[in-house]
């Protein structure tokens, strides 16, 4: 399934939005990655589109948005990312400056709030300091995740839709719509 290009600016906005809601505006980097994956997953199942158009992979600690993961762990240097989010120290990242959420729609921010409340506030209250590992455990139950045993496996968008019990016809329709959007996105990028 073709898709539009990764939107790094929106990835920064989503990550900083989650960080701005966290106590002390600092959070475990693993939790930010998981929250971002869960938000993308829910957006795709709900609207047939992603927020950042990141690509997903199965890793040992569950599914992750791969291009965002590469920025948060420093394997891809991104000056704009680094303006807003610190490097990892003691497994945590910090918000360097307040988020600009001008690219996020109201519906996307409501979805982010829902994900944050469920998987950060509720899990933190229920499990204490171990809450981030409970979120990881939860992502291991998602049907699209496969244990890569130290490697990575791509997660296909179709697998996320199948996990949501979408019919073959619905998956085909969403796929065709994404192909059209990706073609326009690629055309605009080449201009």
C-alpha atoms as a PDB file:
ATOM      1  CA  UNK A   1       0.000   0.000   0.000  1.00  0.00           C
ATOM      2  CA  UNK A   2       1.545   3.280  -1.102  1.00  0.00           C
ATOM      3  CA  UNK A   3       1.268   6.196   1.278  1.00  0.00           C
ATOM      4  CA  UNK A   4       2.137   9.901   1.446  1.00  0.00           C
ATOM      5  CA  UNK A   5       5.609  10.898   2.581  1.00  0.00           C
ATOM      6  CA  UNK A   6       6.588  10.999   6.249  1.00  0.00           C
ATOM      7  CA  UNK A   7       5.754  14.361   7.819  1.00  0.00           C
ATOM      8  CA  UNK A   8       8.634  15.065  10.231  1.00  0.00           C
ATOM      9  CA  UNK A   9       7.059  18.343  11.404  1.00  0.00           C
ATOM     10  CA  UNK A  10       3.898  16.563  12.533  1.00  0.00           C
ATOM     11  CA  UNK A  11       5.999  13.871  14.224  1.00  0.00           C
ATOM     12  CA  UNK A  12       7.687  16.629  16.243  1.00  0.00           C
ATOM     13  CA  UNK A  13       4.290  18.127  17.073  1.00  0.00           C
ATOM     14  CA  UNK A  14       2.883  14.789  18.261  1.00  0.00           C
ATOM     15  CA  UNK A  15       5.972  13.971  20.362  1.00  0.00           C
ATOM     16  CA  UNK A  16       6.097  17.439  21.918  1.00  0.00           C
ATOM     17  CA  UNK A  17       2.351  17.401  22.539  1.00  0.00           C
ATOM     18  CA  UNK A  18       2.738  14.188  24.555  1.00  0.00           C
ATOM     19  CA  UNK A  19       5.803  15.566  26.356  1.00  0.00           C
ATOM     20  CA  UNK A  20       3.983  18.813  27.223  1.00  0.00           C
ATOM     21  CA  UNK A  21       1.266  16.769  28.963  1.00  0.00           C
ATOM     22  CA  UNK A  22       3.705  14.636  30.981  1.00  0.00           C
ATOM     23  CA  UNK A  23       4.730  15.463  34.536  1.00  0.00           C
ATOM     24  CA  UNK A  24       7.837  17.662  34.489  1.00  0.00           C
ATOM     25  CA  UNK A  25       7.615  17.713  30.648  1.00  0.00           C
ATOM     26  CA  UNK A  26       9.945  14.738  30.633  1.00  0.00           C
ATOM     27  CA  UNK A  27       9.118  11.133  29.822  1.00  0.00           C
ATOM     28  CA  UNK A  28      10.593   7.749  29.061  1.00  0.00           C
ATOM     29  CA  UNK A  29      11.507   7.739  25.380  1.00  0.00           C
ATOM     30  CA  UNK A  30       9.998   4.260  25.046  1.00  0.00           C
ATOM     31  CA  UNK A  31       6.640   5.547  26.283  1.00  0.00           C
ATOM     32  CA  UNK A  32       6.621   8.450  23.794  1.00  0.00           C
ATOM     33  CA  UNK A  33       7.299   5.998  20.948  1.00  0.00           C
ATOM     34  CA  UNK A  34       4.517   3.673  22.140  1.00  0.00           C
ATOM     35  CA  UNK A  35       2.023   6.528  22.542  1.00  0.00           C
ATOM     36  CA  UNK A  36       2.858   7.713  19.033  1.00  0.00           C
ATOM     37  CA  UNK A  37       2.359   4.233  17.582  1.00  0.00           C
ATOM     38  CA  UNK A  38      -0.953   3.768  19.398  1.00  0.00           C
ATOM     39  CA  UNK A  39      -2.165   7.188  18.191  1.00  0.00           C
ATOM     40  CA  UNK A  40      -1.183   6.430  14.583  1.00  0.00           C
ATOM     41  CA  UNK A  41      -2.851   3.021  14.788  1.00  0.00           C
ATOM     42  CA  UNK A  42      -6.088   4.436  16.150  1.00  0.00           C
ATOM     43  CA  UNK A  43      -6.109   7.267  13.580  1.00  0.00           C
ATOM     44  CA  UNK A  44      -5.659   4.792  10.741  1.00  0.00           C
ATOM     45  CA  UNK A  45      -8.382   2.489  11.988  1.00  0.00           C
ATOM     46  CA  UNK A  46     -10.742   5.407  12.604  1.00  0.00           C
ATOM     47  CA  UNK A  47     -10.053   7.644   9.583  1.00  0.00           C
ATOM     48  CA  UNK A  48      -8.148   5.517   7.066  1.00  0.00           C
ATOM     49  CA  UNK A  49      -5.168   7.857   7.296  1.00  0.00           C
ATOM     50  CA  UNK A  50      -2.169   8.364   9.552  1.00  0.00           C
ATOM     51  CA  UNK A  51      -1.124  11.479  11.406  1.00  0.00           C
ATOM     52  CA  UNK A  52       2.565  11.539  10.396  1.00  0.00           C
ATOM     53  CA  UNK A  53       2.664   8.855   7.661  1.00  0.00           C
ATOM     54  CA  UNK A  54       5.523   7.127   9.433  1.00  0.00           C
ATOM     55  CA  UNK A  55       6.376   3.512   8.615  1.00  0.00           C
ATOM     56  CA  UNK A  56       5.951   0.882  11.323  1.00  0.00           C
ATOM     57  CA  UNK A  57       8.105  -2.032  12.382  1.00  0.00           C
ATOM     58  CA  UNK A  58       7.914  -4.791  14.955  1.00  0.00           C
ATOM     59  CA  UNK A  59      10.818  -4.637  17.390  1.00  0.00           C
ATOM     60  CA  UNK A  60      11.513  -6.630  20.550  1.00  0.00           C
ATOM     61  CA  UNK A  61       9.656  -4.087  22.702  1.00  0.00           C
ATOM     62  CA  UNK A  62       6.670  -3.999  20.347  1.00  0.00           C
ATOM     63  CA  UNK A  63       5.623  -1.956  17.330  1.00  0.00           C
ATOM     64  CA  UNK A  64       7.211   1.445  16.670  1.00  0.00           C
ATOM     65  CA  UNK A  65       6.960   4.274  14.140  1.00  0.00           C
ATOM     66  CA  UNK A  66      10.399   3.735  12.611  1.00  0.00           C
ATOM     67  CA  UNK A  67      11.361   7.198  11.348  1.00  0.00           C
ATOM     68  CA  UNK A  68      10.313   8.798  14.623  1.00  0.00           C
ATOM     69  CA  UNK A  69      12.162   6.079  16.535  1.00  0.00           C
ATOM     70  CA  UNK A  70      15.330   6.894  14.555  1.00  0.00           C
ATOM     71  CA  UNK A  71      15.015  10.552  15.546  1.00  0.00           C
ATOM     72  CA  UNK A  72      14.314   9.943  19.220  1.00  0.00           C
ATOM     73  CA  UNK A  73      17.258   7.528  19.573  1.00  0.00           C
ATOM     74  CA  UNK A  74      19.614   9.823  17.619  1.00  0.00           C
ATOM     75  CA  UNK A  75      20.418   7.491  14.721  1.00  0.00           C
ATOM     76  CA  UNK A  76      18.936  10.136  12.379  1.00  0.00           C
ATOM     77  CA  UNK A  77      19.974  13.686  13.151  1.00  0.00           C
ATOM     78  CA  UNK A  78      17.195  16.242  12.670  1.00  0.00           C
ATOM     79  CA  UNK A  79      17.945  19.822  13.729  1.00  0.00           C
ATOM     80  CA  UNK A  80      14.267  20.724  14.049  1.00  0.00           C
ATOM     81  CA  UNK A  81      13.619  17.659  16.243  1.00  0.00           C
ATOM     82  CA  UNK A  82      16.592  18.584  18.425  1.00  0.00           C
ATOM     83  CA  UNK A  83      15.241  22.147  18.851  1.00  0.00           C
ATOM     84  CA  UNK A  84      12.200  20.702  20.610  1.00  0.00           C
ATOM     85  CA  UNK A  85      13.262  17.383  22.151  1.00  0.00           C
ATOM     86  CA  UNK A  86      16.400  16.529  24.110  1.00  0.00           C
ATOM     87  CA  UNK A  87      18.697  13.591  23.510  1.00  0.00           C
ATOM     88  CA  UNK A  88      17.970  10.515  25.623  1.00  0.00           C
ATOM     89  CA  UNK A  89      19.413  10.671  29.134  1.00  0.00           C
ATOM     90  CA  UNK A  90      18.617   7.946  31.653  1.00  0.00           C
ATOM     91  CA  UNK A  91      16.047   6.538  29.188  1.00  0.00           C
ATOM     92  CA  UNK A  92      14.141   9.845  29.206  1.00  0.00           C
ATOM     93  CA  UNK A  93      13.663  12.743  26.824  1.00  0.00           C
ATOM     94  CA  UNK A  94      12.715  16.291  27.786  1.00  0.00           C
ATOM     95  CA  UNK A  95      10.770  19.023  26.110  1.00  0.00           C
ATOM     96  CA  UNK A  96      13.173  21.831  25.171  1.00  0.00           C
ATOM     97  CA  UNK A  97      10.524  24.318  24.093  1.00  0.00           C
ATOM     98  CA  UNK A  98       6.754  24.416  23.990  1.00  0.00           C
ATOM     99  CA  UNK A  99       5.138  22.638  21.082  1.00  0.00           C
ATOM    100  CA  UNK A 100       3.810  24.300  17.991  1.00  0.00           C
ATOM    101  CA  UNK A 101       0.768  22.235  17.092  1.00  0.00           C
ATOM    102  CA  UNK A 102      -0.340  24.261  14.072  1.00  0.00           C
ATOM    103  CA  UNK A 103      -0.245  21.217  11.772  1.00  0.00           C
ATOM    104  CA  UNK A 104      -2.427  19.069  14.034  1.00  0.00           C
ATOM    105  CA  UNK A 105      -6.181  19.177  13.577  1.00  0.00           C
ATOM    106  CA  UNK A 106      -8.570  19.450  16.494  1.00  0.00           C
ATOM    107  CA  UNK A 107      -9.659  15.841  15.883  1.00  0.00           C
ATOM    108  CA  UNK A 108      -6.022  14.670  15.945  1.00  0.00           C
ATOM    109  CA  UNK A 109      -5.394  16.486  19.240  1.00  0.00           C
ATOM    110  CA  UNK A 110      -8.538  14.925  20.740  1.00  0.00           C
ATOM    111  CA  UNK A 111      -7.273  11.505  19.668  1.00  0.00           C
ATOM    112  CA  UNK A 112      -3.836  12.249  21.188  1.00  0.00           C
ATOM    113  CA  UNK A 113      -5.534  13.291  24.446  1.00  0.00           C
ATOM    114  CA  UNK A 114      -7.494  10.035  24.492  1.00  0.00           C
ATOM    115  CA  UNK A 115      -4.358   7.942  23.931  1.00  0.00           C
ATOM    116  CA  UNK A 116      -2.379   9.929  26.533  1.00  0.00           C
ATOM    117  CA  UNK A 117      -5.123   9.590  29.123  1.00  0.00           C
ATOM    118  CA  UNK A 118      -5.556   5.843  28.577  1.00  0.00           C
ATOM    119  CA  UNK A 119      -1.942   4.741  28.239  1.00  0.00           C
ATOM    120  CA  UNK A 120      -0.105   7.287  30.366  1.00  0.00           C
ATOM    121  CA  UNK A 121      -2.366   8.656  33.080  1.00  0.00           C
ATOM    122  CA  UNK A 122      -4.480   5.533  33.638  1.00  0.00           C
ATOM    123  CA  UNK A 123      -1.545   3.112  33.371  1.00  0.00           C
ATOM    124  CA  UNK A 124       0.642   5.315  35.599  1.00  0.00           C
ATOM    125  CA  UNK A 125      -2.100   5.431  38.250  1.00  0.00           C
ATOM    126  CA  UNK A 126      -2.699   1.676  38.060  1.00  0.00           C
ATOM    127  CA  UNK A 127       0.867   0.332  37.767  1.00  0.00           C
ATOM    128  CA  UNK A 128       3.086   3.035  39.287  1.00  0.00           C
ATOM    129  CA  UNK A 129       6.632   3.286  37.932  1.00  0.00           C
ATOM    130  CA  UNK A 130       6.223   0.044  35.977  1.00  0.00           C
ATOM    131  CA  UNK A 131       3.472   1.582  33.824  1.00  0.00           C
ATOM    132  CA  UNK A 132       5.701   2.004  30.754  1.00  0.00           C
ATOM    133  CA  UNK A 133       6.435  -1.739  30.727  1.00  0.00           C
ATOM    134  CA  UNK A 134       2.708  -2.439  30.980  1.00  0.00           C
ATOM    135  CA  UNK A 135       2.214  -0.287  27.857  1.00  0.00           C
ATOM    136  CA  UNK A 136       4.940  -2.344  26.136  1.00  0.00           C
ATOM    137  CA  UNK A 137       3.179  -5.533  27.266  1.00  0.00           C
ATOM    138  CA  UNK A 138      -0.074  -4.202  25.824  1.00  0.00           C
ATOM    139  CA  UNK A 139       1.544  -3.515  22.427  1.00  0.00           C
ATOM    140  CA  UNK A 140       2.740  -7.131  22.373  1.00  0.00           C
ATOM    141  CA  UNK A 141      -0.928  -8.179  22.317  1.00  0.00           C
ATOM    142  CA  UNK A 142      -1.676  -6.251  19.112  1.00  0.00           C
ATOM    143  CA  UNK A 143      -2.286  -8.696  16.265  1.00  0.00           C
ATOM    144  CA  UNK A 144      -0.012  -6.880  13.800  1.00  0.00           C
ATOM    145  CA  UNK A 145       3.059  -7.237  16.049  1.00  0.00           C
ATOM    146  CA  UNK A 146       5.316 -10.245  15.438  1.00  0.00           C
ATOM    147  CA  UNK A 147       8.260 -11.002  17.704  1.00  0.00           C
ATOM    148  CA  UNK A 148      11.355 -10.227  15.611  1.00  0.00           C
ATOM    149  CA  UNK A 149      13.773 -11.985  18.016  1.00  0.00           C
ATOM    150  CA  UNK A 150      16.324  -9.169  17.923  1.00  0.00           C
ATOM    151  CA  UNK A 151      15.621  -8.036  14.382  1.00  0.00           C
ATOM    152  CA  UNK A 152      12.771  -5.983  12.869  1.00  0.00           C
ATOM    153  CA  UNK A 153       9.774  -6.823  10.721  1.00  0.00           C
ATOM    154  CA  UNK A 154       7.764  -4.266   8.765  1.00  0.00           C
ATOM    155  CA  UNK A 155       4.158  -3.813   9.834  1.00  0.00           C
ATOM    156  CA  UNK A 156       1.892  -3.388   6.838  1.00  0.00           C
ATOM    157  CA  UNK A 157      -1.039  -0.984   6.989  1.00  0.00           C
ATOM    158  CA  UNK A 158      -3.334  -3.767   5.806  1.00  0.00           C
ATOM    159  CA  UNK A 159      -2.465  -5.710   8.968  1.00  0.00           C
ATOM    160  CA  UNK A 160      -3.632  -2.807  11.132  1.00  0.00           C
ATOM    161  CA  UNK A 161      -6.924  -2.682   9.227  1.00  0.00           C
ATOM    162  CA  UNK A 162      -7.347  -6.471   9.482  1.00  0.00           C
ATOM    163  CA  UNK A 163      -6.804  -6.207  13.243  1.00  0.00           C
ATOM    164  CA  UNK A 164      -9.721  -3.752  13.269  1.00  0.00           C
ATOM    165  CA  UNK A 165     -11.866  -6.345  11.441  1.00  0.00           C
ATOM    166  CA  UNK A 166     -12.135  -4.282   8.247  1.00  0.00           C
ATOM    167  CA  UNK A 167     -13.524  -6.212   5.300  1.00  0.00           C
ATOM    168  CA  UNK A 168     -11.504  -6.898   2.146  1.00  0.00           C
ATOM    169  CA  UNK A 169     -13.637  -4.320   0.349  1.00  0.00           C
ATOM    170  CA  UNK A 170     -12.978  -1.654   2.998  1.00  0.00           C
ATOM    171  CA  UNK A 171      -9.245  -2.394   2.913  1.00  0.00           C
ATOM    172  CA  UNK A 172      -9.256  -2.170  -0.895  1.00  0.00           C
ATOM    173  CA  UNK A 173     -11.098   1.172  -0.803  1.00  0.00           C
ATOM    174  CA  UNK A 174      -8.698   2.641   1.762  1.00  0.00           C
ATOM    175  CA  UNK A 175      -5.748   1.326  -0.250  1.00  0.00           C
ATOM    176  CA  UNK A 176      -7.023   2.987  -3.437  1.00  0.00           C
ATOM    177  CA  UNK A 177      -7.593   6.280  -1.605  1.00  0.00           C
ATOM    178  CA  UNK A 178      -4.063   6.167  -0.171  1.00  0.00           C
ATOM    179  CA  UNK A 179      -2.617   5.418  -3.614  1.00  0.00           C
ATOM    180  CA  UNK A 180      -4.321   8.560  -4.969  1.00  0.00           C
ATOM    181  CA  UNK A 181      -3.165  10.726  -2.050  1.00  0.00           C
ATOM    182  CA  UNK A 182       0.391   9.336  -2.339  1.00  0.00           C
ATOM    183  CA  UNK A 183       0.460  10.082  -6.078  1.00  0.00           C
ATOM    184  CA  UNK A 184      -0.567  13.699  -5.446  1.00  0.00           C
ATOM    185  CA  UNK A 185       1.920  13.985  -2.567  1.00  0.00           C
ATOM    186  CA  UNK A 186       4.753  12.655  -4.755  1.00  0.00           C
ATOM    187  CA  UNK A 187       3.775  14.968  -7.605  1.00  0.00           C
ATOM    188  CA  UNK A 188       3.812  18.004  -5.307  1.00  0.00           C
ATOM    189  CA  UNK A 189       7.155  16.944  -3.832  1.00  0.00           C
ATOM    190  CA  UNK A 190       8.717  16.841  -7.293  1.00  0.00           C
ATOM    191  CA  UNK A 191       7.602  20.382  -8.176  1.00  0.00           C
END
